[in-house]
Amino acid sequence: MKFVQNIFDQTRPLVEKDGKRNLLYPLHNALETMAFVPDHTSHSGAHVRDAIDLKRTMVTVIFAMVPALLFGMWNIGRLHFGAFGEESSLLDNVIFGALKMLPLITVTYAAGLGVEIYFSWKRNHPVNEGFLVSGLLIPMIMPVDIPLWMVAVSTIFAVLIGKEVFGGTGMNLLNPALTARAFAFFAYPTWMSGDKVWINTTSADGGQLVDGYSGATALGDLATTVGQGMGNPATETVMAQFGPEGTYSLMNAFLGLIPGSIGETSAALILLGGLFLIFKGVGSWRIMLSFFIGGFVMAAIFSAFAVNEFMGLNPLHQLMLGGFMFGMVFMATDPVSASQTATGKLIYGFLAGFFGIMIRVFNPAYPEGIMLAILFMNVMAPLIDHYVVEANVKRRAKRLANA
C-alpha cells in the first residue's frame, strides 16, 4: 500500500489549488479518501476527537452488508441454473452471480460518484464518503436483469434530486438508495415488478427460457389471492407454496432460498449484519426493534381479521418476505434521514414497519410497501423530532415551575 500512497503523494501537488490539473482535485481526493484514512486536521475552534469518522462508519455498514451480498450472488446463480434444470456447484453459482452483480455495482458507483465529484468541484469542497454505502445498497435492491442504463439513470436521479439539491451528504431528506429504487419502480415498472425480472432466464447463447416460466416472488403470488376470499379453491395451490414443504416456507424465507431483489432475500444474514451494526454502535437498535414490532403488530391485526389469504398469513412469516428485514436493518436506520432523538427513533421505526405492512397488504399493486413506508417516514422524521423535543421542553418547564 506504500506504493499506492506514494502515487497519491506525488500527484497531489498537480491537483491542488495552484496545480496545473486543479480541476481534478475532487476526483483525486475521492480516490485517496476511499483508499486511505484522511489526514485532514482542524485548524480552528474546539472539535470532538473520536476514533470513528464518516469513512469508518460507512465501511462498517459495508462489512455488515457483505454476507447478504455474497449470498445474493450465490442465489442468483442457484435460481438461474435451477430454472434450466441444470446441476451447479457452489462455485458455479457464485461466479454466475458475480458476473451479474459486479456490472451493477460498477455502474452505480460510476454514475453516483460522477455526480458527487461534479458537485464537489462546483462547490469547491472534498468528496464525502456518503456514497460508499449507497453505491452498494442500490444494486442490492434491484432485480438481477434490470438494464444497466436504468440503474445509472436511477442513481443519478437519487444523488441529484434526493441528495445534492439539499446540500449533499448529511443534508439529504430522503434515503438515496430508496429514492433510486422508487424512481426505477415508477419510471420503469415492467423491469421492477411482475414474474419475469427476478430470475435470470437468459441462456448462454442469448436465447430465452421457454415461455410460461414464472419467477414470481412470494409477495407476487400472495397478491394473486386478493379478492378470492378465504378458503377459495383457486388459492389452495398458491398457499401450498407457503406451507412447511413449499417454495416460500418460513424456513426458506428466513434463509433466503426464494426469488427477490439481489440482496433482500436472506433474513438470517441481514439480521446478522444488523447485530454487527448494533455491536459496533453504528446501527440504531431502537429503530430496528420498533420497526419489527410495528410490522408484527400490523401483520397480527391483519391475520386476526383476515378476509383473504394475503392478510391471513402468519405474522412472522409475513415479516420474513420481501424487503422488510433489509429495510429494517439497512434503510430505516440511515442516520441522516431517520429520526435523531431516542424517543423519535422508537416512533419513527414503529410507524415505518406498521405502514410498510399496511401498504403491502392493502394495495397489492405495491407489494413492496416497505420502500414507500420508509420514504414517507423520512419526510415525517423531522416533524417527529420536533414534537419530541417540544414535549421534553414543556416537561422540564413544568418541573421547573413546580420546583
Protein backbone atom coordinates (compact mmCIF):
# COMPACT_ATOMS: atom_id res chain seq x y z
CA MET A 1 0.00 0.00 0.00
CA LYS A 2 3.02 2.29 0.43
CA PHE A 3 3.48 2.27 -3.33
CA VAL A 4 -0.10 3.47 -3.85
CA GLN A 5 0.30 6.15 -1.16
CA ASN A 6 3.45 7.40 -2.92
CA ILE A 7 1.47 7.82 -6.14
CA PHE A 8 -1.11 9.96 -4.36
CA ASP A 9 1.62 11.99 -2.63
CA GLN A 10 3.48 12.64 -5.88
CA THR A 11 0.38 13.65 -7.86
CA ARG A 12 -1.25 15.77 -5.13
CA PRO A 13 0.69 18.99 -5.98
CA LEU A 14 -0.65 18.78 -9.55
CA VAL A 15 -4.29 18.83 -8.45
CA GLU A 16 -4.12 21.26 -5.54
CA LYS A 17 -5.25 24.89 -5.81
CA ASP A 18 -2.16 26.16 -7.67
CA GLY A 19 -1.53 22.97 -9.63
CA LYS A 20 -1.83 22.56 -13.39
CA ARG A 21 -4.59 19.97 -13.02
CA ASN A 22 -6.51 21.50 -10.12
CA LEU A 23 -9.83 20.66 -11.79
CA LEU A 24 -9.12 17.02 -10.96
CA TYR A 25 -8.75 17.65 -7.21
CA PRO A 26 -12.23 16.28 -6.26
CA LEU A 27 -11.52 13.03 -8.15
CA HIS A 28 -8.04 12.72 -6.68
CA ASN A 29 -9.33 13.42 -3.18
CA ALA A 30 -12.22 10.95 -3.55
CA LEU A 31 -9.93 8.11 -4.62
CA GLU A 32 -7.38 8.85 -1.89
CA THR A 33 -10.06 9.08 0.78
CA MET A 34 -11.52 5.72 -0.30
CA ALA A 35 -8.08 4.07 -0.18
CA PHE A 36 -6.63 5.64 2.98
CA VAL A 37 -7.72 7.32 6.21
CA PRO A 38 -7.92 11.10 5.58
CA ASP A 39 -5.19 13.16 7.25
CA HIS A 40 -7.21 16.38 7.30
CA THR A 41 -6.89 18.35 10.53
CA SER A 42 -8.90 21.14 12.09
CA HIS A 43 -7.10 24.49 12.27
CA SER A 44 -9.54 26.47 14.41
CA GLY A 45 -12.14 26.01 17.11
CA ALA A 46 -12.79 23.17 19.52
CA HIS A 47 -13.82 19.88 17.97
CA VAL A 48 -14.66 16.39 19.13
CA ARG A 49 -11.87 13.84 18.85
CA ASP A 50 -13.13 10.32 18.32
CA ALA A 51 -11.87 7.06 16.87
CA ILE A 52 -14.73 6.87 14.38
CA ASP A 53 -15.32 9.12 11.40
CA LEU A 54 -17.69 9.13 8.42
CA LYS A 55 -15.49 6.83 6.37
CA ARG A 56 -15.19 4.26 9.15
CA THR A 57 -18.94 4.39 9.71
CA MET A 58 -19.63 3.77 6.02
CA VAL A 59 -17.10 0.93 5.83
CA THR A 60 -18.70 -0.71 8.88
CA VAL A 61 -22.07 -0.71 7.12
CA ILE A 62 -20.46 -2.22 4.02
CA PHE A 63 -18.96 -5.01 6.13
CA ALA A 64 -22.42 -5.67 7.56
CA MET A 65 -23.87 -6.00 4.03
CA VAL A 66 -21.19 -8.35 2.68
CA PRO A 67 -22.83 -11.62 3.91
CA ALA A 68 -26.17 -10.71 2.29
CA LEU A 69 -24.34 -9.58 -0.86
CA LEU A 70 -22.37 -12.83 -1.21
CA PHE A 71 -25.50 -14.88 -0.56
CA GLY A 72 -27.34 -12.81 -3.16
CA MET A 73 -24.67 -13.63 -5.75
CA TRP A 74 -24.95 -17.34 -4.94
CA ASN A 75 -28.75 -17.19 -5.05
CA ILE A 76 -28.68 -15.53 -8.49
CA GLY A 77 -26.73 -18.47 -9.86
CA ARG A 78 -28.78 -21.07 -8.00
CA LEU A 79 -32.07 -19.72 -9.33
CA HIS A 80 -30.69 -19.35 -12.86
CA PHE A 81 -29.39 -22.91 -13.15
CA GLY A 82 -32.45 -24.23 -11.36
CA ALA A 83 -34.70 -22.55 -13.92
CA PHE A 84 -32.95 -24.51 -16.65
CA GLY A 85 -33.00 -27.70 -14.60
CA GLU A 86 -29.21 -27.83 -14.57
CA GLU A 87 -26.93 -29.05 -11.79
CA SER A 88 -24.49 -26.45 -10.48
CA SER A 89 -21.81 -26.27 -7.83
CA LEU A 90 -21.35 -23.58 -5.20
CA LEU A 91 -18.58 -22.04 -7.31
CA ASP A 92 -20.72 -22.08 -10.46
CA ASN A 93 -23.49 -20.22 -8.68
CA VAL A 94 -21.18 -17.62 -7.15
CA ILE A 95 -19.33 -16.96 -10.41
CA PHE A 96 -22.55 -16.54 -12.36
CA GLY A 97 -23.97 -14.25 -9.69
CA ALA A 98 -20.78 -12.20 -9.54
CA LEU A 99 -20.83 -11.70 -13.31
CA LYS A 100 -24.36 -10.34 -12.97
CA MET A 101 -23.75 -8.30 -9.84
CA LEU A 102 -20.39 -6.63 -10.50
CA PRO A 103 -21.57 -4.63 -13.55
CA LEU A 104 -24.49 -3.28 -11.48
CA ILE A 105 -22.13 -2.21 -8.70
CA THR A 106 -19.66 -0.67 -11.15
CA VAL A 107 -22.32 1.35 -12.97
CA THR A 108 -23.86 2.54 -9.70
CA TYR A 109 -20.57 3.81 -8.31
CA ALA A 110 -19.56 5.38 -11.63
CA ALA A 111 -22.87 7.24 -12.01
CA GLY A 112 -23.23 8.27 -8.36
CA LEU A 113 -19.64 9.30 -7.78
CA GLY A 114 -19.64 11.15 -11.08
CA VAL A 115 -22.45 13.39 -9.85
CA GLU A 116 -20.85 13.82 -6.41
CA ILE A 117 -17.46 14.70 -7.87
CA TYR A 118 -19.06 17.28 -10.16
CA PHE A 119 -20.84 18.98 -7.27
CA SER A 120 -17.69 18.85 -5.14
CA TRP A 121 -15.86 20.65 -7.93
CA LYS A 122 -18.62 23.23 -8.33
CA ARG A 123 -18.82 23.85 -4.57
CA ASN A 124 -15.08 23.59 -4.02
CA HIS A 125 -15.16 21.02 -1.23
CA PRO A 126 -13.83 17.45 -0.83
CA VAL A 127 -15.91 14.47 -1.89
CA ASN A 128 -17.68 12.96 1.12
CA GLU A 129 -17.78 9.23 1.80
CA GLY A 130 -21.58 9.01 2.00
CA PHE A 131 -21.98 7.28 -1.36
CA LEU A 132 -19.78 4.35 -0.30
CA VAL A 133 -22.85 2.68 1.21
CA SER A 134 -25.48 3.94 -1.26
CA GLY A 135 -23.39 2.64 -4.16
CA LEU A 136 -23.73 -0.88 -2.77
CA LEU A 137 -27.28 -0.61 -1.46
CA ILE A 138 -28.75 0.43 -4.81
CA PRO A 139 -27.72 -2.69 -6.80
CA MET A 140 -28.67 -4.93 -3.88
CA ILE A 141 -32.31 -3.77 -4.02
CA MET A 142 -32.65 -4.12 -7.79
CA PRO A 143 -33.81 -7.13 -9.87
CA VAL A 144 -30.98 -9.12 -11.39
CA ASP A 145 -31.80 -8.39 -15.04
CA ILE A 146 -32.56 -4.66 -14.89
CA PRO A 147 -30.68 -2.88 -17.74
CA LEU A 148 -27.55 -1.07 -16.62
CA TRP A 149 -28.61 2.24 -18.13
CA MET A 150 -31.75 2.21 -15.97
CA VAL A 151 -29.60 1.71 -12.89
CA ALA A 152 -27.39 4.62 -13.97
CA VAL A 153 -30.33 6.95 -14.55
CA SER A 154 -31.96 5.96 -11.25
CA THR A 155 -28.69 6.51 -9.38
CA ILE A 156 -28.12 9.92 -10.94
CA PHE A 157 -31.68 10.95 -10.05
CA ALA A 158 -31.24 9.77 -6.47
CA VAL A 159 -27.95 11.60 -5.92
CA LEU A 160 -29.01 14.73 -7.78
CA ILE A 161 -32.62 15.17 -6.60
CA GLY A 162 -32.61 13.18 -3.38
CA LYS A 163 -29.29 14.42 -2.03
CA GLU A 164 -27.34 17.20 -3.75
CA VAL A 165 -30.26 19.64 -4.02
CA PHE A 166 -30.44 19.54 -0.21
CA GLY A 167 -26.72 20.24 0.19
CA GLY A 168 -25.05 16.83 -0.18
CA THR A 169 -24.04 14.18 2.34
CA GLY A 170 -25.59 14.73 5.74
CA MET A 171 -28.25 17.12 4.43
CA ASN A 172 -30.48 14.77 2.42
CA LEU A 173 -34.12 14.43 3.44
CA LEU A 174 -34.65 11.03 1.78
CA ASN A 175 -32.64 7.83 1.78
CA PRO A 176 -30.70 7.96 -1.55
CA ALA A 177 -30.85 4.20 -2.19
CA LEU A 178 -34.62 4.05 -1.71
CA THR A 179 -35.00 7.18 -3.83
CA ALA A 180 -33.21 5.35 -6.65
CA ARG A 181 -35.46 2.32 -6.28
CA ALA A 182 -38.61 4.46 -6.13
CA PHE A 183 -37.58 6.26 -9.32
CA ALA A 184 -36.89 2.97 -11.09
CA PHE A 185 -40.16 1.50 -9.82
CA PHE A 186 -42.33 4.29 -11.19
CA ALA A 187 -40.25 5.11 -14.29
CA TYR A 188 -39.63 1.52 -15.46
CA PRO A 189 -42.38 -0.57 -13.82
CA THR A 190 -42.09 -3.53 -16.18
CA TRP A 191 -38.48 -4.02 -15.10
CA MET A 192 -39.23 -3.70 -11.39
CA SER A 193 -42.32 -5.89 -10.98
CA GLY A 194 -44.01 -8.96 -12.42
CA ASP A 195 -42.71 -12.51 -12.60
CA LYS A 196 -40.12 -12.11 -15.37
CA VAL A 197 -37.48 -9.92 -13.70
CA TRP A 198 -36.38 -11.74 -10.55
CA ILE A 199 -34.59 -14.74 -12.07
CA ASN A 200 -32.13 -14.58 -14.95
CA THR A 201 -33.56 -16.83 -17.66
CA THR A 202 -31.12 -15.98 -20.45
CA SER A 203 -29.22 -18.98 -21.76
CA ALA A 204 -25.53 -18.91 -22.64
CA ASP A 205 -26.28 -18.38 -26.35
CA GLY A 206 -28.56 -15.41 -25.59
CA GLY A 207 -31.81 -17.31 -26.03
CA GLN A 208 -34.69 -17.13 -23.56
CA LEU A 209 -36.20 -19.84 -21.43
CA VAL A 210 -39.44 -21.35 -22.67
CA ASP A 211 -42.49 -19.11 -22.48
CA GLY A 212 -44.66 -19.53 -19.43
CA TYR A 213 -41.84 -19.84 -16.92
CA SER A 214 -42.71 -17.97 -13.74
CA GLY A 215 -40.15 -16.43 -11.43
CA ALA A 216 -42.66 -14.62 -9.28
CA THR A 217 -41.74 -13.57 -5.77
CA ALA A 218 -43.62 -14.74 -2.70
CA LEU A 219 -45.38 -11.38 -2.42
CA GLY A 220 -46.31 -11.51 -6.09
CA ASP A 221 -48.00 -14.88 -5.61
CA LEU A 222 -49.72 -13.71 -2.44
CA ALA A 223 -51.11 -10.70 -4.30
CA THR A 224 -53.00 -13.06 -6.63
CA THR A 225 -55.11 -14.26 -3.69
CA VAL A 226 -56.60 -10.83 -3.04
CA GLY A 227 -60.29 -10.80 -3.94
CA GLN A 228 -60.52 -14.59 -3.83
CA GLY A 229 -61.75 -14.84 -0.22
CA MET A 230 -60.60 -17.22 2.49
CA GLY A 231 -60.54 -20.92 1.65
CA ASN A 232 -61.22 -20.39 -2.05
CA PRO A 233 -60.07 -23.48 -4.03
CA ALA A 234 -58.34 -21.18 -6.51
CA THR A 235 -55.91 -20.10 -3.81
CA GLU A 236 -55.08 -23.54 -2.43
CA THR A 237 -52.26 -24.15 -4.90
CA VAL A 238 -50.75 -20.75 -4.19
CA MET A 239 -50.93 -21.10 -0.41
CA ALA A 240 -49.43 -24.60 -0.55
CA GLN A 241 -46.20 -22.88 -1.55
CA PHE A 242 -46.16 -21.20 1.89
CA GLY A 243 -46.52 -24.44 3.81
CA PRO A 244 -43.62 -26.24 5.56
CA GLU A 245 -42.66 -28.05 2.35
CA GLY A 246 -43.42 -25.20 -0.06
CA THR A 247 -41.09 -22.98 -2.05
CA TYR A 248 -41.90 -19.98 0.16
CA SER A 249 -41.92 -21.79 3.50
CA LEU A 250 -40.97 -19.84 6.61
CA MET A 251 -37.59 -21.57 6.73
CA ASN A 252 -36.83 -20.87 3.07
CA ALA A 253 -37.84 -17.24 3.53
CA PHE A 254 -35.65 -16.93 6.62
CA LEU A 255 -32.64 -18.49 4.88
CA GLY A 256 -33.28 -16.66 1.60
CA LEU A 257 -33.90 -19.57 -0.77
CA ILE A 258 -36.56 -17.63 -2.70
CA PRO A 259 -36.64 -15.18 -5.62
CA GLY A 260 -36.43 -11.47 -4.93
CA SER A 261 -34.16 -8.44 -5.14
CA ILE A 262 -30.49 -9.39 -5.12
CA GLY A 263 -29.62 -8.65 -1.50
CA GLU A 264 -33.01 -8.76 0.19
CA THR A 265 -33.85 -12.46 0.35
CA SER A 266 -31.81 -13.85 3.27
CA ALA A 267 -33.39 -12.59 6.50
CA ALA A 268 -30.85 -14.62 8.51
CA LEU A 269 -27.79 -12.88 7.04
CA ILE A 270 -29.48 -9.49 7.11
CA LEU A 271 -30.14 -9.94 10.83
CA LEU A 272 -26.51 -10.99 11.27
CA GLY A 273 -25.49 -7.72 9.65
CA GLY A 274 -27.91 -5.85 11.90
CA LEU A 275 -26.39 -7.39 15.03
CA PHE A 276 -22.95 -6.38 13.79
CA LEU A 277 -24.10 -2.77 13.29
CA ILE A 278 -25.61 -2.67 16.78
CA PHE A 279 -22.44 -4.16 18.30
CA LYS A 280 -20.31 -1.52 16.56
CA GLY A 281 -22.65 1.27 17.64
CA VAL A 282 -23.42 2.29 14.05
CA GLY A 283 -26.99 0.97 13.68
CA SER A 284 -29.82 2.06 15.96
CA TRP A 285 -31.32 -0.84 17.90
CA ARG A 286 -34.28 1.38 18.76
CA ILE A 287 -35.23 1.77 15.10
CA MET A 288 -34.69 -1.92 14.29
CA LEU A 289 -36.66 -3.18 17.28
CA SER A 290 -39.55 -0.73 16.90
CA PHE A 291 -39.64 -1.35 13.13
CA PHE A 292 -40.01 -5.09 13.75
CA ILE A 293 -42.68 -4.57 16.41
CA GLY A 294 -44.62 -2.16 14.20
CA GLY A 295 -44.63 -4.60 11.30
CA PHE A 296 -45.57 -7.51 13.54
CA VAL A 297 -48.47 -5.60 15.12
CA MET A 298 -49.89 -4.67 11.71
CA ALA A 299 -49.43 -8.23 10.39
CA ALA A 300 -51.09 -9.63 13.53
CA ILE A 301 -54.07 -7.30 13.11
CA PHE A 302 -54.46 -8.40 9.51
CA SER A 303 -54.15 -12.04 10.48
CA ALA A 304 -56.83 -11.68 13.17
CA PHE A 305 -59.34 -10.05 10.80
CA ALA A 306 -58.27 -11.68 7.54
CA VAL A 307 -60.60 -11.63 4.55
CA ASN A 308 -58.06 -13.12 2.13
CA GLU A 309 -55.02 -15.38 2.31
CA PHE A 310 -52.58 -12.47 1.97
CA MET A 311 -53.93 -10.92 5.16
CA GLY A 312 -54.17 -14.28 6.89
CA LEU A 313 -50.50 -15.21 6.51
CA ASN A 314 -48.66 -15.92 9.74
CA PRO A 315 -47.35 -12.52 11.03
CA LEU A 316 -43.77 -13.75 11.47
CA HIS A 317 -43.82 -15.30 8.01
CA GLN A 318 -45.10 -12.00 6.63
CA LEU A 319 -42.05 -10.18 8.02
CA MET A 320 -39.59 -12.64 6.51
CA LEU A 321 -40.81 -11.90 2.98
CA GLY A 322 -39.88 -9.11 0.60
CA GLY A 323 -37.67 -6.25 1.70
CA PHE A 324 -38.95 -5.94 5.26
CA MET A 325 -35.82 -7.18 7.03
CA PHE A 326 -33.45 -5.41 4.63
CA GLY A 327 -35.38 -2.17 5.05
CA MET A 328 -35.38 -2.57 8.83
CA VAL A 329 -31.61 -3.05 9.11
CA PHE A 330 -30.06 -1.03 6.30
CA MET A 331 -32.64 1.53 5.12
CA ALA A 332 -34.67 2.75 8.08
CA THR A 333 -31.51 3.15 10.17
CA ASP A 334 -29.93 5.70 7.83
CA PRO A 335 -28.51 8.18 10.38
CA VAL A 336 -29.29 11.20 8.18
CA SER A 337 -32.87 10.61 7.04
CA ALA A 338 -34.10 8.85 10.21
CA SER A 339 -35.21 10.48 13.45
CA GLN A 340 -32.41 11.76 15.67
CA THR A 341 -33.97 11.69 19.15
CA ALA A 342 -34.16 8.48 21.20
CA THR A 343 -37.94 8.62 21.57
CA GLY A 344 -38.32 9.77 17.98
CA LYS A 345 -36.45 6.68 16.76
CA LEU A 346 -38.95 4.42 18.51
CA ILE A 347 -41.91 6.27 16.98
CA TYR A 348 -40.27 6.50 13.55
CA GLY A 349 -39.34 2.81 13.43
CA PHE A 350 -42.72 1.59 14.68
CA LEU A 351 -44.67 3.64 12.11
CA ALA A 352 -42.32 2.66 9.27
CA GLY A 353 -42.85 -1.05 9.95
CA PHE A 354 -46.57 -0.57 10.62
CA PHE A 355 -47.22 1.36 7.40
CA GLY A 356 -44.95 -0.93 5.37
CA ILE A 357 -47.10 -3.99 6.03
CA MET A 358 -50.26 -1.91 5.64
CA ILE A 359 -49.27 -0.70 2.16
CA ARG A 360 -48.07 -4.17 1.16
CA VAL A 361 -51.35 -5.91 2.02
CA PHE A 362 -53.95 -3.21 1.35
CA ASN A 363 -52.60 -2.38 -2.12
CA PRO A 364 -51.23 -5.46 -3.91
CA ALA A 365 -50.18 -3.19 -6.79
CA TYR A 366 -47.35 -2.12 -4.46
CA PRO A 367 -46.47 -5.41 -2.79
CA GLU A 368 -43.15 -3.95 -1.62
CA GLY A 369 -44.67 -1.30 0.62
CA ILE A 370 -41.54 -1.09 2.79
CA MET A 371 -39.90 1.25 0.28
CA LEU A 372 -42.82 3.68 0.28
CA ALA A 373 -43.28 3.48 4.06
CA ILE A 374 -39.65 4.31 4.84
CA LEU A 375 -39.59 7.20 2.35
CA PHE A 376 -42.78 8.57 3.90
CA MET A 377 -41.29 8.32 7.37
CA ASN A 378 -38.10 10.00 6.13
CA VAL A 379 -40.26 13.02 5.36
CA MET A 380 -42.01 12.77 8.74
CA ALA A 381 -38.82 12.27 10.80
CA PRO A 382 -38.09 16.00 11.35
CA LEU A 383 -41.68 16.53 12.48
CA ILE A 384 -41.46 13.62 14.92
CA ASP A 385 -38.23 15.00 16.38
CA HIS A 386 -39.76 18.48 16.63
CA TYR A 387 -42.66 17.27 18.77
CA VAL A 388 -40.42 15.04 20.88
CA VAL A 389 -38.16 17.99 21.65
CA GLU A 390 -41.17 20.24 22.32
CA ALA A 391 -42.60 17.66 24.74
CA ASN A 392 -39.26 17.45 26.57
CA VAL A 393 -39.04 21.24 26.84
CA LYS A 394 -42.60 21.51 28.21
CA ARG A 395 -41.98 18.70 30.69
CA ARG A 396 -38.82 20.36 32.02
CA ALA A 397 -40.52 23.76 32.14
CA LYS A 398 -43.31 22.19 34.18
CA ARG A 399 -40.82 20.62 36.60
CA LEU A 400 -39.09 23.98 36.97
CA ALA A 401 -42.39 25.72 37.69
CA ASN A 402 -43.25 23.16 40.36
CA ALA A 403 -39.79 23.28 41.97
